[in-house]
Amino acid sequence: MTTARTFASVWDAIADTPAQAANLRTRAELMRQVVAIIRDKGWIQAEAARRCGVSQPRINDLLRGRVSRFSLDALVNIASALGCRVRVKLKAA
């Protein structure tokens, strides 16, 4: 018989460590904000790719929420290309 486990978030459920969960959570939030900017601007993928300095397939991955395909560095670079400054706020766990 298997026992059901509960987690604080989906990231905690799929990550092996709390550090990995925090990284996934941060990448997902940054992706969500970048996607919101792209959608607010009404850009097609090719235009978004040009403005972000990445390929159209990368934008497709971004819009589909493929978190595992992006590092924090890559997402910060994309946000920067869009004229955004990324700030990190820490709070106790």
PDB file of N, CA and C in Angstrom:
ATOM      1  N   MET A   1       0.832  -1.179   0.000  1.00  0.00           N
ATOM      2  CA  MET A   1       0.000   0.000   0.000  1.00  0.00           C
ATOM      3  C   MET A   1       0.880   1.247   0.000  1.00  0.00           C
ATOM      4  N   THR A   2       0.565   2.180  -0.858  1.00  0.00           N
ATOM      5  CA  THR A   2       1.313   3.427  -0.922  1.00  0.00           C
ATOM      6  C   THR A   2       0.653   4.478  -0.048  1.00  0.00           C
ATOM      7  N   THR A   3       1.488   5.312   0.496  1.00  0.00           N
ATOM      8  CA  THR A   3       0.992   6.385   1.344  1.00  0.00           C
ATOM      9  C   THR A   3       1.026   7.690   0.567  1.00  0.00           C
ATOM     10  N   ALA A   4      -0.046   8.436   0.617  1.00  0.00           N
ATOM     11  CA  ALA A   4      -0.108   9.736  -0.061  1.00  0.00           C
ATOM     12  C   ALA A   4       0.756  10.736   0.689  1.00  0.00           C
ATOM     13  N   ARG A   5       1.500  11.515  -0.083  1.00  0.00           N
ATOM     14  CA  ARG A   5       2.328  12.575   0.510  1.00  0.00           C
ATOM     15  C   ARG A   5       1.784  13.909   0.063  1.00  0.00           C
ATOM     16  N   THR A   6       1.904  14.897   0.908  1.00  0.00           N
ATOM     17  CA  THR A   6       1.483  16.244   0.541  1.00  0.00           C
ATOM     18  C   THR A   6       2.706  17.145   0.521  1.00  0.00           C
ATOM     19  N   PHE A   7       2.652  18.131  -0.364  1.00  0.00           N
ATOM     20  CA  PHE A   7       3.763  19.054  -0.539  1.00  0.00           C
ATOM     21  C   PHE A   7       3.231  20.480  -0.504  1.00  0.00           C
ATOM     22  N   ALA A   8       4.106  21.399  -0.161  1.00  0.00           N
ATOM     23  CA  ALA A   8       3.733  22.813  -0.105  1.00  0.00           C
ATOM     24  C   ALA A   8       3.468  23.379  -1.496  1.00  0.00           C
ATOM     25  N   SER A   9       4.155  22.840  -2.497  1.00  0.00           N
ATOM     26  CA  SER A   9       3.961  23.309  -3.868  1.00  0.00           C
ATOM     27  C   SER A   9       4.318  22.193  -4.835  1.00  0.00           C
ATOM     28  N   VAL A  10       3.932  22.385  -6.080  1.00  0.00           N
ATOM     29  CA  VAL A  10       4.278  21.404  -7.109  1.00  0.00           C
ATOM     30  C   VAL A  10       5.797  21.313  -7.251  1.00  0.00           C
ATOM     31  N   TRP A  11       6.485  22.421  -7.052  1.00  0.00           N
ATOM     32  CA  TRP A  11       7.947  22.427  -7.179  1.00  0.00           C
ATOM     33  C   TRP A  11       8.577  21.560  -6.100  1.00  0.00           C
ATOM     34  N   ASP A  12       8.027  21.601  -4.892  1.00  0.00           N
ATOM     35  CA  ASP A  12       8.535  20.747  -3.822  1.00  0.00           C
ATOM     36  C   ASP A  12       8.301  19.270  -4.152  1.00  0.00           C
ATOM     37  N   ALA A  13       7.215  18.987  -4.851  1.00  0.00           N
ATOM     38  CA  ALA A  13       6.886  17.604  -5.188  1.00  0.00           C
ATOM     39  C   ALA A  13       7.818  17.024  -6.249  1.00  0.00           C
ATOM     40  N   ILE A  14       8.233  17.850  -7.208  1.00  0.00           N
ATOM     41  CA  ILE A  14       9.041  17.305  -8.307  1.00  0.00           C
ATOM     42  C   ILE A  14      10.539  17.481  -8.115  1.00  0.00           C
ATOM     43  N   ALA A  15      10.943  18.323  -7.183  1.00  0.00           N
ATOM     44  CA  ALA A  15      12.372  18.565  -6.956  1.00  0.00           C
ATOM     45  C   ALA A  15      12.925  17.566  -5.937  1.00  0.00           C
ATOM     46  N   ASP A  16      14.211  17.310  -6.062  1.00  0.00           N
ATOM     47  CA  ASP A  16      14.872  16.397  -5.129  1.00  0.00           C
ATOM     48  C   ASP A  16      15.271  17.071  -3.825  1.00  0.00           C
ATOM     49  N   THR A  17      15.510  18.385  -3.893  1.00  0.00           N
ATOM     50  CA  THR A  17      15.956  19.112  -2.707  1.00  0.00           C
ATOM     51  C   THR A  17      15.197  20.431  -2.594  1.00  0.00           C
ATOM     52  N   PRO A  18      15.169  21.015  -1.417  1.00  0.00           N
ATOM     53  CA  PRO A  18      14.544  22.337  -1.268  1.00  0.00           C
ATOM     54  C   PRO A  18      15.221  23.399  -2.148  1.00  0.00           C
ATOM     55  N   ALA A  19      16.523  23.281  -2.347  1.00  0.00           N
ATOM     56  CA  ALA A  19      17.236  24.246  -3.197  1.00  0.00           C
ATOM     57  C   ALA A  19      16.775  24.135  -4.649  1.00  0.00           C
ATOM     58  N   GLN A  20      16.603  22.917  -5.133  1.00  0.00           N
ATOM     59  CA  GLN A  20      16.106  22.725  -6.493  1.00  0.00           C
ATOM     60  C   GLN A  20      14.680  23.256  -6.628  1.00  0.00           C
ATOM     61  N   ALA A  21      13.856  23.036  -5.621  1.00  0.00           N
ATOM     62  CA  ALA A  21      12.479  23.542  -5.642  1.00  0.00           C
ATOM     63  C   ALA A  21      12.478  25.070  -5.693  1.00  0.00           C
ATOM     64  N   ALA A  22      13.349  25.699  -4.923  1.00  0.00           N
ATOM     65  CA  ALA A  22      13.435  27.164  -4.923  1.00  0.00           C
ATOM     66  C   ALA A  22      13.869  27.673  -6.294  1.00  0.00           C
ATOM     67  N   ASN A  23      14.817  26.990  -6.915  1.00  0.00           N
ATOM     68  CA  ASN A  23      15.282  27.395  -8.243  1.00  0.00           C
ATOM     69  C   ASN A  23      14.157  27.262  -9.265  1.00  0.00           C
ATOM     70  N   LEU A  24      13.440  26.159  -9.242  1.00  0.00           N
ATOM     71  CA  LEU A  24      12.321  25.957 -10.165  1.00  0.00           C
ATOM     72  C   LEU A  24      11.235  27.013  -9.950  1.00  0.00           C
ATOM     73  N   ARG A  25      10.927  27.284  -8.704  1.00  0.00           N
ATOM     74  CA  ARG A  25       9.906  28.278  -8.368  1.00  0.00           C
ATOM     75  C   ARG A  25      10.294  29.654  -8.896  1.00  0.00           C
ATOM     76  N   THR A  26      11.547  30.019  -8.739  1.00  0.00           N
ATOM     77  CA  THR A  26      12.027  31.323  -9.189  1.00  0.00           C
ATOM     78  C   THR A  26      12.025  31.410 -10.708  1.00  0.00           C
ATOM     79  N   ARG A  27      12.477  30.351 -11.369  1.00  0.00           N
ATOM     80  CA  ARG A  27      12.459  30.345 -12.837  1.00  0.00           C
ATOM     81  C   ARG A  27      11.030  30.437 -13.367  1.00  0.00           C
ATOM     82  N   ALA A  28      10.121  29.698 -12.756  1.00  0.00           N
ATOM     83  CA  ALA A  28       8.726  29.723 -13.209  1.00  0.00           C
ATOM     84  C   ALA A  28       8.119  31.113 -13.049  1.00  0.00           C
ATOM     85  N   GLU A  29       8.400  31.775 -11.953  1.00  0.00           N
ATOM     86  CA  GLU A  29       7.857  33.119 -11.739  1.00  0.00           C
ATOM     87  C   GLU A  29       8.442  34.113 -12.741  1.00  0.00           C
ATOM     88  N   LEU A  30       9.721  34.037 -12.988  1.00  0.00           N
ATOM     89  CA  LEU A  30      10.353  34.933 -13.960  1.00  0.00           C
ATOM     90  C   LEU A  30       9.801  34.657 -15.361  1.00  0.00           C
ATOM     91  N   MET A  31       9.634  33.384 -15.693  1.00  0.00           N
ATOM     92  CA  MET A  31       9.042  33.040 -16.987  1.00  0.00           C
ATOM     93  C   MET A  31       7.641  33.610 -17.107  1.00  0.00           C
ATOM     94  N   ARG A  32       6.845  33.473 -16.054  1.00  0.00           N
ATOM     95  CA  ARG A  32       5.474  33.976 -16.075  1.00  0.00           C
ATOM     96  C   ARG A  32       5.445  35.472 -16.366  1.00  0.00           C
ATOM     97  N   GLN A  33       6.354  36.209 -15.757  1.00  0.00           N
ATOM     98  CA  GLN A  33       6.391  37.651 -15.960  1.00  0.00           C
ATOM     99  C   GLN A  33       6.863  38.024 -17.364  1.00  0.00           C
ATOM    100  N   VAL A  34       7.848  37.311 -17.887  1.00  0.00           N
ATOM    101  CA  VAL A  34       8.326  37.578 -19.244  1.00  0.00           C
ATOM    102  C   VAL A  34       7.229  37.259 -20.257  1.00  0.00           C
ATOM    103  N   VAL A  35       6.549  36.148 -20.068  1.00  0.00           N
ATOM    104  CA  VAL A  35       5.449  35.780 -20.965  1.00  0.00           C
ATOM    105  C   VAL A  35       4.352  36.846 -20.920  1.00  0.00           C
ATOM    106  N   ALA A  36       4.053  37.360 -19.750  1.00  0.00           N
ATOM    107  CA  ALA A  36       3.032  38.404 -19.626  1.00  0.00           C
ATOM    108  C   ALA A  36       3.421  39.643 -20.429  1.00  0.00           C
ATOM    109  N   ILE A  37       4.690  40.016 -20.411  1.00  0.00           N
ATOM    110  CA  ILE A  37       5.156  41.168 -21.186  1.00  0.00           C
ATOM    111  C   ILE A  37       4.970  40.902 -22.680  1.00  0.00           C
ATOM    112  N   ILE A  38       5.387  39.733 -23.129  1.00  0.00           N
ATOM    113  CA  ILE A  38       5.272  39.383 -24.549  1.00  0.00           C
ATOM    114  C   ILE A  38       3.807  39.412 -24.986  1.00  0.00           C
ATOM    115  N   ARG A  39       2.941  38.856 -24.176  1.00  0.00           N
ATOM    116  CA  ARG A  39       1.512  38.832 -24.529  1.00  0.00           C
ATOM    117  C   ARG A  39       0.895  40.220 -24.485  1.00  0.00           C
ATOM    118  N   ASP A  40       1.287  41.022 -23.486  1.00  0.00           N
ATOM    119  CA  ASP A  40       0.775  42.398 -23.392  1.00  0.00           C
ATOM    120  C   ASP A  40       1.150  43.221 -24.617  1.00  0.00           C
ATOM    121  N   LYS A  41       2.349  42.961 -25.142  1.00  0.00           N
ATOM    122  CA  LYS A  41       2.815  43.683 -26.329  1.00  0.00           C
ATOM    123  C   LYS A  41       2.145  43.181 -27.603  1.00  0.00           C
ATOM    124  N   GLY A  42       1.545  41.985 -27.532  1.00  0.00           N
ATOM    125  CA  GLY A  42       0.886  41.420 -28.701  1.00  0.00           C
ATOM    126  C   GLY A  42       1.850  40.926 -29.771  1.00  0.00           C
ATOM    127  N   TRP A  43       3.066  40.615 -29.381  1.00  0.00           N
ATOM    128  CA  TRP A  43       4.069  40.170 -30.337  1.00  0.00           C
ATOM    129  C   TRP A  43       3.825  38.732 -30.770  1.00  0.00           C
ATOM    130  N   ILE A  44       4.043  38.468 -32.054  1.00  0.00           N
ATOM    131  CA  ILE A  44       4.097  37.084 -32.510  1.00  0.00           C
ATOM    132  C   ILE A  44       5.451  36.532 -32.081  1.00  0.00           C
ATOM    133  N   GLN A  45       5.600  35.225 -32.162  1.00  0.00           N
ATOM    134  CA  GLN A  45       6.829  34.601 -31.666  1.00  0.00           C
ATOM    135  C   GLN A  45       8.084  35.134 -32.348  1.00  0.00           C
ATOM    136  N   ALA A  46       8.029  35.360 -33.638  1.00  0.00           N
ATOM    137  CA  ALA A  46       9.216  35.846 -34.354  1.00  0.00           C
ATOM    138  C   ALA A  46       9.642  37.222 -33.844  1.00  0.00           C
ATOM    139  N   GLU A  47       8.665  38.099 -33.612  1.00  0.00           N
ATOM    140  CA  GLU A  47       8.972  39.443 -33.100  1.00  0.00           C
ATOM    141  C   GLU A  47       9.516  39.367 -31.680  1.00  0.00           C
ATOM    142  N   ALA A  48       8.906  38.531 -30.855  1.00  0.00           N
ATOM    143  CA  ALA A  48       9.384  38.366 -29.481  1.00  0.00           C
ATOM    144  C   ALA A  48      10.806  37.823 -29.475  1.00  0.00           C
ATOM    145  N   ALA A  49      11.088  36.874 -30.344  1.00  0.00           N
ATOM    146  CA  ALA A  49      12.431  36.294 -30.423  1.00  0.00           C
ATOM    147  C   ALA A  49      13.456  37.366 -30.800  1.00  0.00           C
ATOM    148  N   ARG A  50      13.127  38.176 -31.791  1.00  0.00           N
ATOM    149  CA  ARG A  50      14.035  39.236 -32.228  1.00  0.00           C
ATOM    150  C   ARG A  50      14.313  40.204 -31.080  1.00  0.00           C
ATOM    151  N   ARG A  51      13.267  40.602 -30.382  1.00  0.00           N
ATOM    152  CA  ARG A  51      13.428  41.571 -29.293  1.00  0.00           C
ATOM    153  C   ARG A  51      14.133  40.984 -28.073  1.00  0.00           C
ATOM    154  N   CYS A  52      13.980  39.689 -27.877  1.00  0.00           N
ATOM    155  CA  CYS A  52      14.612  39.028 -26.726  1.00  0.00           C
ATOM    156  C   CYS A  52      16.016  38.520 -27.026  1.00  0.00           C
ATOM    157  N   GLY A  53      16.404  38.529 -28.298  1.00  0.00           N
ATOM    158  CA  GLY A  53      17.726  38.059 -28.667  1.00  0.00           C
ATOM    159  C   GLY A  53      17.879  36.552 -28.619  1.00  0.00           C
ATOM    160  N   VAL A  54      16.768  35.846 -28.861  1.00  0.00           N
ATOM    161  CA  VAL A  54      16.800  34.381 -28.872  1.00  0.00           C
ATOM    162  C   VAL A  54      16.090  33.892 -30.133  1.00  0.00           C
ATOM    163  N   SER A  55      16.105  32.587 -30.344  1.00  0.00           N
ATOM    164  CA  SER A  55      15.436  32.015 -31.514  1.00  0.00           C
ATOM    165  C   SER A  55      13.929  31.880 -31.267  1.00  0.00           C
ATOM    166  N   GLN A  56      13.193  31.738 -32.355  1.00  0.00           N
ATOM    167  CA  GLN A  56      11.740  31.540 -32.238  1.00  0.00           C
ATOM    168  C   GLN A  56      11.411  30.247 -31.477  1.00  0.00           C
ATOM    169  N   PRO A  57      12.144  29.139 -31.705  1.00  0.00           N
ATOM    170  CA  PRO A  57      11.856  27.946 -30.899  1.00  0.00           C
ATOM    171  C   PRO A  57      12.046  28.165 -29.394  1.00  0.00           C
ATOM    172  N   ARG A  58      13.009  29.031 -29.025  1.00  0.00           N
ATOM    173  CA  ARG A  58      13.202  29.345 -27.599  1.00  0.00           C
ATOM    174  C   ARG A  58      11.985  30.085 -27.054  1.00  0.00           C
ATOM    175  N   ILE A  59      11.438  31.002 -27.843  1.00  0.00           N
ATOM    176  CA  ILE A  59      10.241  31.722 -27.415  1.00  0.00           C
ATOM    177  C   ILE A  59       9.077  30.741 -27.287  1.00  0.00           C
ATOM    178  N   ASN A  60       8.980  29.799 -28.196  1.00  0.00           N
ATOM    179  CA  ASN A  60       7.934  28.783 -28.121  1.00  0.00           C
ATOM    180  C   ASN A  60       8.051  28.004 -26.813  1.00  0.00           C
ATOM    181  N   ASP A  61       9.271  27.601 -26.456  1.00  0.00           N
ATOM    182  CA  ASP A  61       9.491  26.898 -25.189  1.00  0.00           C
ATOM    183  C   ASP A  61       9.074  27.773 -24.009  1.00  0.00           C
ATOM    184  N   LEU A  62       9.402  29.042 -24.084  1.00  0.00           N
ATOM    185  CA  LEU A  62       9.062  29.987 -23.015  1.00  0.00           C
ATOM    186  C   LEU A  62       7.540  30.098 -22.873  1.00  0.00           C
ATOM    187  N   LEU A  63       6.854  30.303 -23.986  1.00  0.00           N
ATOM    188  CA  LEU A  63       5.408  30.473 -23.961  1.00  0.00           C
ATOM    189  C   LEU A  63       4.682  29.206 -23.525  1.00  0.00           C
ATOM    190  N   ARG A  64       5.293  28.066 -23.738  1.00  0.00           N
ATOM    191  CA  ARG A  64       4.690  26.797 -23.329  1.00  0.00           C
ATOM    192  C   ARG A  64       5.061  26.428 -21.890  1.00  0.00           C
ATOM    193  N   GLY A  65       5.844  27.286 -21.228  1.00  0.00           N
ATOM    194  CA  GLY A  65       6.172  27.063 -19.821  1.00  0.00           C
ATOM    195  C   GLY A  65       7.158  25.950 -19.559  1.00  0.00           C
ATOM    196  N   ARG A  66       8.035  25.709 -20.485  1.00  0.00           N
ATOM    197  CA  ARG A  66       9.021  24.625 -20.334  1.00  0.00           C
ATOM    198  C   ARG A  66      10.184  25.102 -19.453  1.00  0.00           C
ATOM    199  N   VAL A  67       9.917  25.114 -18.170  1.00  0.00           N
ATOM    200  CA  VAL A  67      10.852  25.633 -17.180  1.00  0.00           C
ATOM    201  C   VAL A  67      12.206  24.949 -17.251  1.00  0.00           C
ATOM    202  N   SER A  68      12.211  23.654 -17.476  1.00  0.00           N
ATOM    203  CA  SER A  68      13.465  22.894 -17.461  1.00  0.00           C
ATOM    204  C   SER A  68      14.431  23.315 -18.564  1.00  0.00           C
ATOM    205  N   ARG A  69      13.946  24.020 -19.572  1.00  0.00           N
ATOM    206  CA  ARG A  69      14.806  24.417 -20.691  1.00  0.00           C
ATOM    207  C   ARG A  69      15.469  25.776 -20.504  1.00  0.00           C
ATOM    208  N   PHE A  70      15.223  26.412 -19.344  1.00  0.00           N
ATOM    209  CA  PHE A  70      15.775  27.744 -19.111  1.00  0.00           C
ATOM    210  C   PHE A  70      16.486  27.811 -17.769  1.00  0.00           C
ATOM    211  N   SER A  71      17.673  28.384 -17.787  1.00  0.00           N
ATOM    212  CA  SER A  71      18.388  28.663 -16.543  1.00  0.00           C
ATOM    213  C   SER A  71      17.943  30.041 -16.046  1.00  0.00           C
ATOM    214  N   LEU A  72      18.233  30.319 -14.800  1.00  0.00           N
ATOM    215  CA  LEU A  72      17.950  31.669 -14.295  1.00  0.00           C
ATOM    216  C   LEU A  72      18.713  32.711 -15.097  1.00  0.00           C
ATOM    217  N   ASP A  73      19.968  32.401 -15.434  1.00  0.00           N
ATOM    218  CA  ASP A  73      20.775  33.339 -16.231  1.00  0.00           C
ATOM    219  C   ASP A  73      20.098  33.669 -17.551  1.00  0.00           C
ATOM    220  N   ALA A  74      19.625  32.641 -18.248  1.00  0.00           N
ATOM    221  CA  ALA A  74      18.981  32.866 -19.546  1.00  0.00           C
ATOM    222  C   ALA A  74      17.727  33.721 -19.393  1.00  0.00           C
ATOM    223  N   LEU A  75      16.947  33.470 -18.360  1.00  0.00           N
ATOM    224  CA  LEU A  75      15.725  34.240 -18.150  1.00  0.00           C
ATOM    225  C   LEU A  75      16.021  35.688 -17.770  1.00  0.00           C
ATOM    226  N   VAL A  76      17.061  35.895 -16.977  1.00  0.00           N
ATOM    227  CA  VAL A  76      17.464  37.261 -16.633  1.00  0.00           C
ATOM    228  C   VAL A  76      17.920  37.987 -17.896  1.00  0.00           C
ATOM    229  N   ASN A  77      18.660  37.312 -18.763  1.00  0.00           N
ATOM    230  CA  ASN A  77      19.107  37.927 -20.016  1.00  0.00           C
ATOM    231  C   ASN A  77      17.924  38.298 -20.910  1.00  0.00           C
ATOM    232  N   ILE A  78      16.915  37.439 -20.976  1.00  0.00           N
ATOM    233  CA  ILE A  78      15.728  37.727 -21.778  1.00  0.00           C
ATOM    234  C   ILE A  78      14.984  38.923 -21.195  1.00  0.00           C
ATOM    235  N   ALA A  79      14.801  38.928 -19.894  1.00  0.00           N
ATOM    236  CA  ALA A  79      14.119  40.058 -19.245  1.00  0.00           C
ATOM    237  C   ALA A  79      14.881  41.358 -19.476  1.00  0.00           C
ATOM    238  N   SER A  80      16.191  41.292 -19.400  1.00  0.00           N
ATOM    239  CA  SER A  80      17.024  42.466 -19.642  1.00  0.00           C
ATOM    240  C   SER A  80      16.873  42.967 -21.069  1.00  0.00           C
ATOM    241  N   ALA A  81      16.809  42.038 -22.020  1.00  0.00           N
ATOM    242  CA  ALA A  81      16.624  42.423 -23.427  1.00  0.00           C
ATOM    243  C   ALA A  81      15.291  43.126 -23.631  1.00  0.00           C
ATOM    244  N   LEU A  82      14.324  42.836 -22.764  1.00  0.00           N
ATOM    245  CA  LEU A  82      13.018  43.484 -22.844  1.00  0.00           C
ATOM    246  C   LEU A  82      12.982  44.819 -22.096  1.00  0.00           C
ATOM    247  N   GLY A  83      14.142  45.207 -21.567  1.00  0.00           N
ATOM    248  CA  GLY A  83      14.220  46.489 -20.857  1.00  0.00           C
ATOM    249  C   GLY A  83      13.820  46.408 -19.403  1.00  0.00           C
ATOM    250  N   CYS A  84      13.808  45.205 -18.852  1.00  0.00           N
ATOM    251  CA  CYS A  84      13.428  45.015 -17.451  1.00  0.00           C
ATOM    252  C   CYS A  84      14.667  44.788 -16.588  1.00  0.00           C
ATOM    253  N   ARG A  85      14.556  45.196 -15.363  1.00  0.00           N
ATOM    254  CA  ARG A  85      15.604  44.923 -14.372  1.00  0.00           C
ATOM    255  C   ARG A  85      15.055  43.896 -13.399  1.00  0.00           C
ATOM    256  N   VAL A  86      15.770  42.810 -13.225  1.00  0.00           N
ATOM    257  CA  VAL A  86      15.333  41.742 -12.328  1.00  0.00           C
ATOM    258  C   VAL A  86      15.902  42.017 -10.953  1.00  0.00           C
ATOM    259  N   ARG A  87      15.007  41.972  -9.970  1.00  0.00           N
ATOM    260  CA  ARG A  87      15.426  42.153  -8.581  1.00  0.00           C
ATOM    261  C   ARG A  87      15.009  40.913  -7.797  1.00  0.00           C
ATOM    262  N   VAL A  88      15.846  40.522  -6.853  1.00  0.00           N
ATOM    263  CA  VAL A  88      15.574  39.356  -6.044  1.00  0.00           C
ATOM    264  C   VAL A  88      15.233  39.807  -4.629  1.00  0.00           C
ATOM    265  N   LYS A  89      14.171  39.250  -4.093  1.00  0.00           N
ATOM    266  CA  LYS A  89      13.755  39.577  -2.738  1.00  0.00           C
ATOM    267  C   LYS A  89      13.776  38.293  -1.933  1.00  0.00           C
ATOM    268  N   LEU A  90      14.493  38.293  -0.840  1.00  0.00           N
ATOM    269  CA  LEU A  90      14.578  37.116   0.017  1.00  0.00           C
ATOM    270  C   LEU A  90      13.632  37.247   1.191  1.00  0.00           C
ATOM    271  N   LYS A  91      13.042  36.121   1.567  1.00  0.00           N
ATOM    272  CA  LYS A  91      12.251  36.091   2.800  1.00  0.00           C
ATOM    273  C   LYS A  91      12.465  34.749   3.457  1.00  0.00           C
ATOM    274  N   ALA A  92      12.297  34.708   4.744  1.00  0.00           N
ATOM    275  CA  ALA A  92      12.513  33.469   5.491  1.00  0.00           C
ATOM    276  C   ALA A  92      11.559  32.394   5.019  1.00  0.00           C
ATOM    277  N   ALA A  93      12.076  31.182   4.947  1.00  0.00           N
ATOM    278  CA  ALA A  93      11.244  30.044   4.491  1.00  0.00           C
ATOM    279  C   ALA A  93      10.296  29.602   5.575  1.00  0.00           C
TER     280      ALA A  93
END
